[in-house]
Protein backbone atom coordinates (compact mmCIF):
# COMPACT_ATOMS: atom_id res chain seq x y z
CA UNK A 1 33.93 6.33 -2.04
CA UNK A 2 33.63 3.92 0.89
CA UNK A 3 30.93 1.25 0.89
CA UNK A 4 28.12 2.08 3.32
CA UNK A 5 24.86 1.11 1.78
CA UNK A 6 21.94 2.60 3.56
CA UNK A 7 23.56 3.43 6.88
CA UNK A 8 20.50 2.62 8.97
CA UNK A 9 18.65 0.20 6.70
CA UNK A 10 21.65 -1.82 5.72
CA UNK A 11 22.75 -2.30 9.29
CA UNK A 12 19.27 -3.39 10.30
CA UNK A 13 18.81 -5.71 7.30
CA UNK A 14 22.32 -7.13 7.44
CA UNK A 15 23.15 -6.44 3.81
CA UNK A 16 26.59 -6.35 2.26
CA UNK A 17 27.35 -3.79 -0.37
CA UNK A 18 30.70 -4.34 -2.00
CA UNK A 19 31.16 -1.90 -4.83
CA UNK A 20 27.90 -0.03 -4.25
CA UNK A 21 27.69 3.74 -4.06
CA UNK A 22 27.05 5.31 -0.68
CA UNK A 23 23.39 6.02 -0.04
CA UNK A 24 21.09 7.13 2.73
CA UNK A 25 17.61 5.61 2.33
CA UNK A 26 14.76 6.98 4.43
CA UNK A 27 14.82 5.15 7.77
CA UNK A 28 12.78 6.86 10.47
CA UNK A 29 10.80 5.88 13.56
CA UNK A 30 7.04 6.17 13.39
CA UNK A 31 5.93 9.64 14.43
CA UNK A 32 2.52 11.05 15.34
CA UNK A 33 3.68 14.58 14.50
CA UNK A 34 4.00 15.49 10.83
CA UNK A 35 6.66 17.98 9.75
CA UNK A 36 5.29 20.89 7.74
CA UNK A 37 8.17 21.07 5.26
CA UNK A 38 10.27 17.89 5.63
CA UNK A 39 13.61 17.52 3.88
CA UNK A 40 13.74 15.14 0.95
CA UNK A 41 15.47 11.86 1.91
CA UNK A 42 18.09 10.50 -0.45
CA UNK A 43 16.76 8.01 -2.98
CA UNK A 44 18.57 4.67 -3.36
CA UNK A 45 20.12 3.52 -6.61
CA UNK A 46 18.36 0.69 -8.44
CA UNK A 47 21.15 -1.68 -7.41
CA UNK A 48 20.76 -0.80 -3.75
CA UNK A 49 16.98 -1.03 -3.93
CA UNK A 50 17.23 -4.60 -5.24
CA UNK A 51 19.35 -5.59 -2.24
CA UNK A 52 16.77 -4.21 0.16
CA UNK A 53 13.91 -5.87 -1.74
CA UNK A 54 15.66 -9.24 -1.75
CA UNK A 55 16.51 -9.12 1.95
CA UNK A 56 12.91 -8.30 2.87
CA UNK A 57 11.52 -10.96 0.52
CA UNK A 58 13.81 -13.69 1.90
CA UNK A 59 12.74 -12.82 5.43
CA UNK A 60 9.03 -12.83 4.50
CA UNK A 61 9.27 -16.23 2.81
CA UNK A 62 10.89 -17.66 5.94
CA UNK A 63 8.48 -16.15 8.45
CA UNK A 64 5.12 -15.18 6.92
CA UNK A 65 4.50 -18.25 4.72
CA UNK A 66 4.86 -20.96 7.40
CA UNK A 67 2.68 -19.04 9.85
CA UNK A 68 -0.11 -18.47 7.34
CA UNK A 69 -0.17 -22.03 6.05
CA UNK A 70 -0.31 -23.49 9.56
CA UNK A 71 -2.92 -21.02 10.78
CA UNK A 72 -5.15 -21.87 7.83
CA UNK A 73 -4.50 -25.60 7.83
CA UNK A 74 -3.19 -25.70 4.26
CA UNK A 75 -0.21 -27.95 3.55
CA UNK A 76 0.34 -27.01 -0.12
CA UNK A 77 -0.07 -23.74 -2.00
CA UNK A 78 0.41 -23.65 -5.79
CA UNK A 79 0.78 -20.34 -7.61
CA UNK A 80 0.86 -20.02 -11.39
CA UNK A 81 1.72 -16.95 -13.46
CA UNK A 82 2.56 -16.23 -17.07
CA UNK A 83 4.91 -13.58 -18.37
CA UNK A 84 3.08 -10.21 -18.43
CA UNK A 85 0.11 -11.84 -16.69
CA UNK A 86 1.44 -12.15 -13.18
CA UNK A 87 -0.72 -13.30 -10.29
CA UNK A 88 -0.81 -10.37 -7.79
CA UNK A 89 0.90 -12.61 -5.22
CA UNK A 90 3.56 -13.99 -7.55
CA UNK A 91 4.48 -10.45 -8.58
CA UNK A 92 5.52 -9.76 -4.97
CA UNK A 93 7.58 -12.96 -4.76
CA UNK A 94 9.92 -12.14 -7.65
CA UNK A 95 13.43 -11.20 -6.60
CA UNK A 96 14.88 -7.74 -7.26
CA UNK A 97 16.35 -8.76 -10.63
CA UNK A 98 13.27 -10.57 -11.94
CA UNK A 99 11.19 -7.89 -13.55
CA UNK A 100 8.47 -10.30 -14.71
CA UNK A 101 7.53 -13.95 -14.42
CA UNK A 102 9.57 -15.85 -17.01
CA UNK A 103 7.47 -17.87 -19.47
CA UNK A 104 5.15 -19.85 -17.18
CA UNK A 105 6.27 -19.58 -13.56
CA UNK A 106 4.90 -22.11 -11.09
CA UNK A 107 5.68 -21.77 -7.39
CA UNK A 108 4.88 -24.45 -4.82
CA UNK A 109 4.91 -24.15 -1.02
CA UNK A 110 4.70 -27.45 0.87
CA UNK A 111 4.46 -27.89 4.60
CA UNK A 112 5.59 -31.46 5.44
CA UNK A 113 4.47 -31.03 9.04
CA UNK A 114 6.20 -32.33 12.17
CA UNK A 115 7.86 -28.95 12.63
CA UNK A 116 9.88 -29.30 9.44
CA UNK A 117 10.60 -26.21 7.28
CA UNK A 118 8.17 -25.32 4.52
CA UNK A 119 9.55 -26.34 1.14
CA UNK A 120 9.75 -23.60 -1.50
CA UNK A 121 9.83 -25.11 -4.98
CA UNK A 122 9.66 -23.75 -8.50
CA UNK A 123 8.40 -25.89 -11.38
CA UNK A 124 9.77 -23.44 -13.92
CA UNK A 125 12.51 -23.22 -16.50
CA UNK A 126 14.23 -20.35 -14.70
CA UNK A 127 15.05 -19.94 -11.03
CA UNK A 128 14.09 -17.00 -8.81
CA UNK A 129 17.14 -15.56 -7.12
CA UNK A 130 17.88 -18.73 -5.17
CA UNK A 131 14.71 -18.27 -3.11
CA UNK A 132 12.95 -21.35 -4.54
CA UNK A 133 14.42 -24.78 -5.27
CA UNK A 134 14.07 -25.75 -8.98
CA UNK A 135 12.39 -29.17 -9.34
CA UNK A 136 11.72 -29.37 -13.06
CA UNK A 137 14.11 -30.77 -15.65
CA UNK A 138 12.52 -30.07 -19.06
CA UNK A 139 14.90 -32.50 -20.76
CA UNK A 140 13.67 -35.38 -18.60
CA UNK A 141 10.01 -34.31 -18.53
CA UNK A 142 9.04 -31.83 -21.27
CA UNK A 143 5.46 -31.47 -19.97
CA UNK A 144 5.50 -28.77 -17.27
CA UNK A 145 2.02 -29.67 -16.01
CA UNK A 146 2.97 -33.34 -15.69
CA UNK A 147 6.06 -32.28 -13.76
CA UNK A 148 3.89 -30.24 -11.40
CA UNK A 149 1.47 -33.15 -10.94
CA UNK A 150 4.38 -35.43 -10.08
CA UNK A 151 5.65 -32.96 -7.46
CA UNK A 152 2.19 -32.79 -5.89
CA UNK A 153 1.56 -36.54 -5.99
CA UNK A 154 4.92 -37.30 -4.39
CA UNK A 155 4.01 -35.11 -1.40
CA UNK A 156 0.37 -36.23 -1.16
CA UNK A 157 -1.01 -33.01 0.42
CA UNK A 158 -4.38 -32.94 2.19
CA UNK A 159 -5.24 -29.48 0.85
CA UNK A 160 -3.94 -27.89 -2.35
CA UNK A 161 -4.63 -24.14 -2.39
CA UNK A 162 -4.85 -22.31 -5.71
CA UNK A 163 -5.68 -18.64 -6.09
CA UNK A 164 -9.38 -18.49 -6.84
CA UNK A 165 -11.74 -16.03 -5.14
CA UNK A 166 -15.15 -14.63 -6.10
CA UNK A 167 -14.66 -11.65 -3.76
CA UNK A 168 -11.02 -10.52 -3.80
CA UNK A 169 -8.96 -9.80 -6.91
CA UNK A 170 -5.86 -10.42 -4.81
CA UNK A 171 -6.92 -14.03 -4.23
CA UNK A 172 -8.12 -14.66 -7.78
CA UNK A 173 -4.83 -14.63 -9.64
CA UNK A 174 -4.95 -17.92 -11.51
CA UNK A 175 -6.48 -17.65 -14.97
CA UNK A 176 -9.16 -20.03 -16.22
CA UNK A 177 -6.82 -21.78 -18.66
CA UNK A 178 -4.15 -22.34 -16.01
CA UNK A 179 -6.72 -23.69 -13.56
CA UNK A 180 -8.04 -26.03 -16.24
CA UNK A 181 -4.52 -27.33 -16.91
CA UNK A 182 -3.88 -28.03 -13.21
CA UNK A 183 -7.15 -29.89 -12.82
CA UNK A 184 -6.45 -31.94 -15.95
CA UNK A 185 -2.94 -32.86 -14.77
CA UNK A 186 -3.98 -34.07 -11.32
CA UNK A 187 -5.40 -37.48 -10.49
CA UNK A 188 -9.14 -37.63 -9.70
CA UNK A 189 -8.33 -38.04 -6.00
CA UNK A 190 -6.01 -35.02 -5.86
CA UNK A 191 -8.55 -32.88 -7.69
CA UNK A 192 -10.92 -33.24 -4.75
CA UNK A 193 -8.30 -31.62 -2.51
CA UNK A 194 -8.18 -28.32 -4.36
CA UNK A 195 -9.24 -25.37 -2.17
CA UNK A 196 -9.24 -21.58 -2.50
CA UNK A 197 -6.02 -19.76 -1.68
CA UNK A 198 -7.91 -16.54 -0.92
CA UNK A 199 -6.93 -16.45 2.75
CA UNK A 200 -3.29 -17.19 2.02
CA UNK A 201 -3.14 -14.55 -0.70
CA UNK A 202 -4.69 -11.82 1.42
CA UNK A 203 -2.64 -12.81 4.45
CA UNK A 204 0.61 -12.71 2.51
CA UNK A 205 -0.13 -9.35 0.91
CA UNK A 206 -1.55 -7.57 3.95
CA UNK A 207 1.04 -8.66 6.54
CA UNK A 208 3.76 -6.11 7.26
CA UNK A 209 6.96 -7.47 8.80
CA UNK A 210 9.39 -5.83 11.26
CA UNK A 211 11.88 -5.38 8.41
CA UNK A 212 9.34 -3.55 6.30
CA UNK A 213 8.26 -1.38 9.19
CA UNK A 214 11.84 -0.18 9.65
CA UNK A 215 11.68 1.48 6.25
CA UNK A 216 7.99 2.29 5.76
CA UNK A 217 8.00 5.56 7.78
CA UNK A 218 10.89 6.84 5.67
CA UNK A 219 9.03 5.96 2.46
CA UNK A 220 6.07 8.01 3.66
CA UNK A 221 8.47 10.84 4.57
CA UNK A 222 9.73 10.79 0.98
CA UNK A 223 6.14 11.15 -0.25
CA UNK A 224 5.42 13.93 2.26
CA UNK A 225 8.53 15.83 1.20
CA UNK A 226 7.59 15.79 -2.49
CA UNK A 227 3.98 16.67 -1.69
CA UNK A 228 5.13 19.66 0.38
CA UNK A 229 7.37 20.89 -2.45
CA UNK A 230 4.35 20.97 -4.76
CA UNK A 231 2.22 22.78 -2.19
CA UNK A 232 4.56 25.76 -1.92
CA UNK A 233 5.32 29.09 -3.56
CA UNK A 234 8.12 27.32 -5.42
CA UNK A 235 5.49 25.69 -7.62
CA UNK A 236 2.26 27.66 -7.13
CA UNK A 237 1.91 31.24 -8.40
CA UNK A 238 -1.62 32.53 -7.68
CA UNK A 239 -3.34 33.82 -10.81
CA UNK A 240 -0.99 31.81 -13.04
CA UNK A 241 -0.67 28.18 -11.94
CA UNK A 242 -3.49 25.76 -12.77
CA UNK A 243 -4.51 22.66 -10.86
CA UNK A 244 -3.17 20.52 -13.73
CA UNK A 245 0.15 22.39 -13.64
CA UNK A 246 0.65 21.11 -10.08
CA UNK A 247 -0.47 17.60 -11.01
CA UNK A 248 2.10 17.36 -13.77
CA UNK A 249 4.77 18.98 -11.61
CA UNK A 250 4.33 16.04 -9.23
CA UNK A 251 4.63 13.56 -12.08
CA UNK A 252 7.80 15.19 -13.41
CA UNK A 253 9.35 15.52 -9.94
CA UNK A 254 8.88 11.84 -9.23
CA UNK A 255 10.19 10.84 -12.66
CA UNK A 256 13.36 12.86 -12.12
CA UNK A 257 13.81 11.24 -8.68
CA UNK A 258 13.41 7.80 -10.21
CA UNK A 259 10.39 7.07 -8.00
CA UNK A 260 7.12 5.64 -9.31
CA UNK A 261 3.57 6.73 -8.62
CA UNK A 262 0.85 4.10 -8.58
CA UNK A 263 -1.85 6.55 -9.68
CA UNK A 264 -2.07 9.88 -11.44
CA UNK A 265 -2.12 12.60 -8.74
CA UNK A 266 -5.18 14.76 -8.20
CA UNK A 267 -5.21 18.44 -7.29
CA UNK A 268 -8.47 20.29 -6.64
CA UNK A 269 -9.56 23.79 -5.63
CA UNK A 270 -12.35 24.62 -3.19
CA UNK A 271 -13.27 28.28 -3.61
CA UNK A 272 -15.63 30.58 -1.80
CA UNK A 273 -18.86 30.89 -3.78
CA UNK A 274 -18.07 27.92 -6.07
CA UNK A 275 -19.88 24.59 -5.84
CA UNK A 276 -17.86 21.42 -5.99
CA UNK A 277 -14.18 20.92 -6.69
CA UNK A 278 -12.41 22.89 -9.43
CA UNK A 279 -9.80 20.87 -11.31
CA UNK A 280 -7.96 20.69 -14.62
CA UNK A 281 -7.25 24.10 -16.16
CA UNK A 282 -8.79 26.02 -13.24
CA UNK A 283 -6.33 28.73 -12.16
CA UNK A 284 -5.35 28.83 -8.48
CA UNK A 285 -6.22 32.12 -6.78
CA UNK A 286 -5.47 33.70 -3.42
CA UNK A 287 -8.00 32.60 -0.82
CA UNK A 288 -8.39 29.10 -2.31
CA UNK A 289 -8.36 25.88 -0.30
CA UNK A 290 -6.25 23.33 -2.20
CA UNK A 291 -6.48 19.54 -1.99
CA UNK A 292 -4.06 16.94 -3.28
CA UNK A 293 -4.27 13.14 -3.52
CA UNK A 294 -0.80 11.70 -4.04
CA UNK A 295 0.98 8.35 -3.70
CA UNK A 296 4.33 6.77 -4.53
CA UNK A 297 5.73 3.26 -4.93
CA UNK A 298 9.20 2.76 -3.50
CA UNK A 299 10.97 -0.43 -2.38
CA UNK A 300 7.73 -2.19 -3.42
CA UNK A 301 5.66 -0.40 -0.77
CA UNK A 302 3.03 2.22 -1.52
CA UNK A 303 1.92 5.46 0.09
CA UNK A 304 -1.40 7.27 -0.23
CA UNK A 305 -1.78 10.81 1.12
CA UNK A 306 -4.30 13.63 0.89
CA UNK A 307 -3.30 17.04 2.23
CA UNK A 308 -4.94 20.47 2.33
CA UNK A 309 -3.33 23.88 1.75
CA UNK A 310 -4.55 27.45 1.88
CA UNK A 311 -3.35 30.22 -0.46
CA UNK A 312 -2.98 33.34 1.67
CA UNK A 313 -4.67 36.55 0.61
CA UNK A 314 -2.72 39.79 0.78
CA UNK A 315 -2.26 40.74 4.42
CA UNK A 316 -3.22 37.32 5.78
CA UNK A 317 -0.88 35.31 7.97
CA UNK A 318 -3.31 32.49 8.70
CA UNK A 319 -6.19 30.66 7.09
CA UNK A 320 -9.75 31.62 8.11
CA UNK A 321 -10.83 30.05 11.39
CA UNK A 322 -13.62 28.11 9.68
CA UNK A 323 -11.15 26.31 7.40
CA UNK A 324 -8.92 25.47 10.34
CA UNK A 325 -11.93 24.14 12.23
CA UNK A 326 -12.85 21.98 9.24
CA UNK A 327 -9.46 20.26 9.28
CA UNK A 328 -9.81 19.77 13.04
CA UNK A 329 -13.15 18.08 12.40
CA UNK A 330 -11.48 15.70 9.94
CA UNK A 331 -8.81 14.96 12.56
CA UNK A 332 -11.60 14.12 15.02
CA UNK A 333 -13.09 11.66 12.51
CA UNK A 334 -9.64 10.10 12.21
CA UNK A 335 -9.57 9.66 15.99
CA UNK A 336 -13.00 8.04 15.96
CA UNK A 337 -11.83 5.59 13.31
CA UNK A 338 -8.40 4.68 14.65
CA UNK A 339 -9.85 4.07 18.13
CA UNK A 340 -12.34 1.59 16.62
CA UNK A 341 -9.80 -0.86 15.17
CA UNK A 342 -10.04 -4.30 16.77
CA UNK A 343 -8.43 -7.59 15.77
CA UNK A 344 -11.02 -10.03 14.46
CA UNK A 345 -13.67 -7.41 13.69
CA UNK A 346 -14.80 -6.99 10.12
CA UNK A 347 -14.11 -3.81 8.22
CA UNK A 348 -17.85 -3.16 8.17
CA UNK A 349 -18.04 -3.45 11.98
CA UNK A 350 -15.14 -1.01 12.39
CA UNK A 351 -16.87 1.38 10.00
CA UNK A 352 -20.14 1.27 11.96
CA UNK A 353 -18.38 1.82 15.29
CA UNK A 354 -16.31 4.73 13.95
CA UNK A 355 -19.29 6.46 12.36
CA UNK A 356 -21.32 6.13 15.55
CA UNK A 357 -18.51 7.75 17.58
CA UNK A 358 -18.04 10.58 15.09
CA UNK A 359 -21.74 11.34 14.73
CA UNK A 360 -22.16 11.31 18.52
CA UNK A 361 -19.60 14.14 18.62
CA UNK A 362 -21.63 16.21 16.18
CA UNK A 363 -19.38 15.44 13.21
CA UNK A 364 -20.50 14.70 9.65
CA UNK A 365 -18.14 11.92 8.54
CA UNK A 366 -17.52 10.01 5.34
CA UNK A 367 -15.09 7.12 5.83
CA UNK A 368 -13.45 5.17 3.01
CA UNK A 369 -10.29 3.69 4.51
CA UNK A 370 -8.38 0.83 2.91
CA UNK A 371 -5.34 -1.41 3.54
CA UNK A 372 -1.98 -0.31 2.17
CA UNK A 373 1.21 -2.14 1.30
CA UNK A 374 2.26 -3.92 -1.87
CA UNK A 375 -0.69 -2.20 -3.55
CA UNK A 376 -2.18 1.23 -2.99
CA UNK A 377 -5.71 -0.09 -2.62
CA UNK A 378 -4.39 -3.24 -1.03
CA UNK A 379 -5.52 -6.67 0.14
CA UNK A 380 -7.69 -6.86 3.22
CA UNK A 381 -10.95 -5.43 4.54
CA UNK A 382 -12.41 -2.19 3.22
CA UNK A 383 -13.63 0.21 5.90
CA UNK A 384 -16.33 2.01 3.95
CA UNK A 385 -16.47 3.45 0.46
CA UNK A 386 -17.02 7.12 -0.33
CA UNK A 387 -20.27 6.20 -2.07
CA UNK A 388 -21.37 3.54 0.43
CA UNK A 389 -21.28 4.21 4.17
CA UNK A 390 -23.35 1.14 5.11
CA UNK A 391 -20.69 -1.49 4.49
CA UNK A 392 -19.59 -3.38 1.38
CA UNK A 393 -18.99 -7.08 0.57
CA UNK A 394 -15.21 -6.88 0.88
CA UNK A 395 -15.72 -5.08 4.17
CA UNK A 396 -16.56 -8.51 5.61
CA UNK A 397 -12.89 -9.49 5.66
CA UNK A 398 -11.49 -9.33 9.18
CA UNK A 399 -8.96 -6.86 10.57
CA UNK A 400 -5.59 -8.36 11.52
CA UNK A 401 -2.58 -7.12 13.43
CA UNK A 402 0.64 -6.09 11.66
CA UNK A 403 -1.18 -4.38 8.81
CA UNK A 404 -0.75 -0.98 7.17
CA UNK A 405 -3.63 1.33 6.36
CA UNK A 406 -4.54 4.42 4.44
CA UNK A 407 -6.70 6.31 6.95
CA UNK A 408 -8.82 7.95 4.26
CA UNK A 409 -11.91 9.97 5.12
CA UNK A 410 -13.50 13.40 5.17
CA UNK A 411 -15.63 15.66 7.33
CA UNK A 412 -18.24 18.09 6.06
CA UNK A 413 -18.41 21.45 7.83
CA UNK A 414 -19.73 24.98 7.19
CA UNK A 415 -17.22 27.84 6.87
CA UNK A 416 -18.64 30.98 8.52
CA UNK A 417 -16.18 33.29 6.73
CA UNK A 418 -17.53 31.95 3.43
CA UNK A 419 -21.16 32.68 4.31
CA UNK A 420 -21.71 29.26 5.84
CA UNK A 421 -20.67 27.44 2.65
CA UNK A 422 -20.35 23.71 3.28
CA UNK A 423 -16.88 22.35 2.54
CA UNK A 424 -15.65 18.77 2.35
CA UNK A 425 -12.37 18.46 4.25
CA UNK A 426 -10.61 15.45 2.75
CA UNK A 427 -7.68 13.87 4.54
CA UNK A 428 -5.63 10.72 4.14
CA UNK A 429 -2.65 9.52 6.16
CA UNK A 430 -0.68 6.27 6.24
CA UNK A 431 -0.65 4.23 9.43
CA UNK A 432 0.25 0.88 11.02
CA UNK A 433 -1.95 -1.30 13.24
CA UNK A 434 0.02 -3.56 15.57
CA UNK A 435 -3.06 -5.23 17.03
CA UNK A 436 -3.31 -2.77 19.92
CA UNK A 437 -3.23 0.72 18.47
CA UNK A 438 -3.03 2.58 15.17
CA UNK A 439 0.07 4.75 14.73
CA UNK A 440 0.74 7.13 11.86
CA UNK A 441 3.88 6.29 9.91
CA UNK A 442 5.05 9.90 9.52
CA UNK A 443 2.48 11.85 11.47
CA UNK A 444 -0.74 13.42 10.23
CA UNK A 445 -1.68 16.88 9.02
CA UNK A 446 -3.21 18.95 11.83
CA UNK A 447 -2.55 22.41 10.36
CA UNK A 448 -3.27 23.68 6.87
CA UNK A 449 -0.21 24.17 4.70
CA UNK A 450 0.10 27.88 3.94
CA UNK A 451 1.14 29.12 0.50
CA UNK A 452 2.24 32.69 -0.05
CA UNK A 453 3.94 35.40 2.01
CA UNK A 454 7.30 33.74 1.43
CA UNK A 455 6.04 30.23 2.19
């Protein structure tokens, strides 16, 4: 078989692939129109995935790190992780063959100024895929902390960022014992230069690069394709299939594809005459409105999607008008939110603006949107919580350009065909904010998925 790793991705990332099997990873342009039953993209081999991961990581280290350090006026950033206790940031800086931090892994970024490149150093026994220069010789200096202190002293930085944060878990990755060791190893003068790396951590994790955005829409398409398979007559037999049956079908399907999920899927049933959401061993019946919350991790990026489906009754070819209107109301809340994004605003300010727009249109919104990327509930500002629509502490982080988002929210609306029963229409779609507008990565659901009658 000829070598053509990832026809579109490989060409765009400039990878070589001698000896690798042919593969077609999902590479698609961003689209505002979601396909109802998309085809499943081919999934890369582990070997090919590592090449993509390494190419993206090398590019990020060259471009994102210098910009962040100079924007924030930090000339040294020290990250410390221990095997099986990785700092959230360090975990994203390991190359495709490094499954965990090895022993104690210490990474150092140093900006010498004067337009010179940022140094990437590792004060560790093992290297990291050639991405960091090793600067510790254990035979010459057995004490790793002393070696780190020597590296810092030789460069005499004005600010030494370490990952401590009272507000964000993503900026709080250094453990107490590791922080104590750093402080003990440094001279009294250098200790006074320690600052929080919160801004660097969040900036690194939340920033999406052009390379990543070439593949992100295809990753979401992969998630949409699997989700659509589960919400079909192939999987769901009314009167037989339970909500949990569908949940575990998703888990098994992903396992067989070799794709991870970052959370256990949820499937719920909204039924005429029933209060609340039916889950677990509840049997799906004709006339039910189904909801699914589903996300995957692929090429280190995460998706997070909530879709709605309707199980047709005998003789029906469409869902009741009230259910269709409920989804349209949720789409209108999405529009109110995505039109409220603004660089430099806090998440809480965006939330307030979006709610005001939605309510002015007669909608009943609940907004709980979050950043997306290396984590499902990722670094950056929260835009509401389902149980707090007045703003939250981590909603005070500011919105930045080149960030990905899970546009997660719901609208409450009565369904006339169900006797005016109030229904919560939950929706969640993945999107990218370029600083000017929010665009969905693989479209958004604007029509209920129909199950039954050959569908």
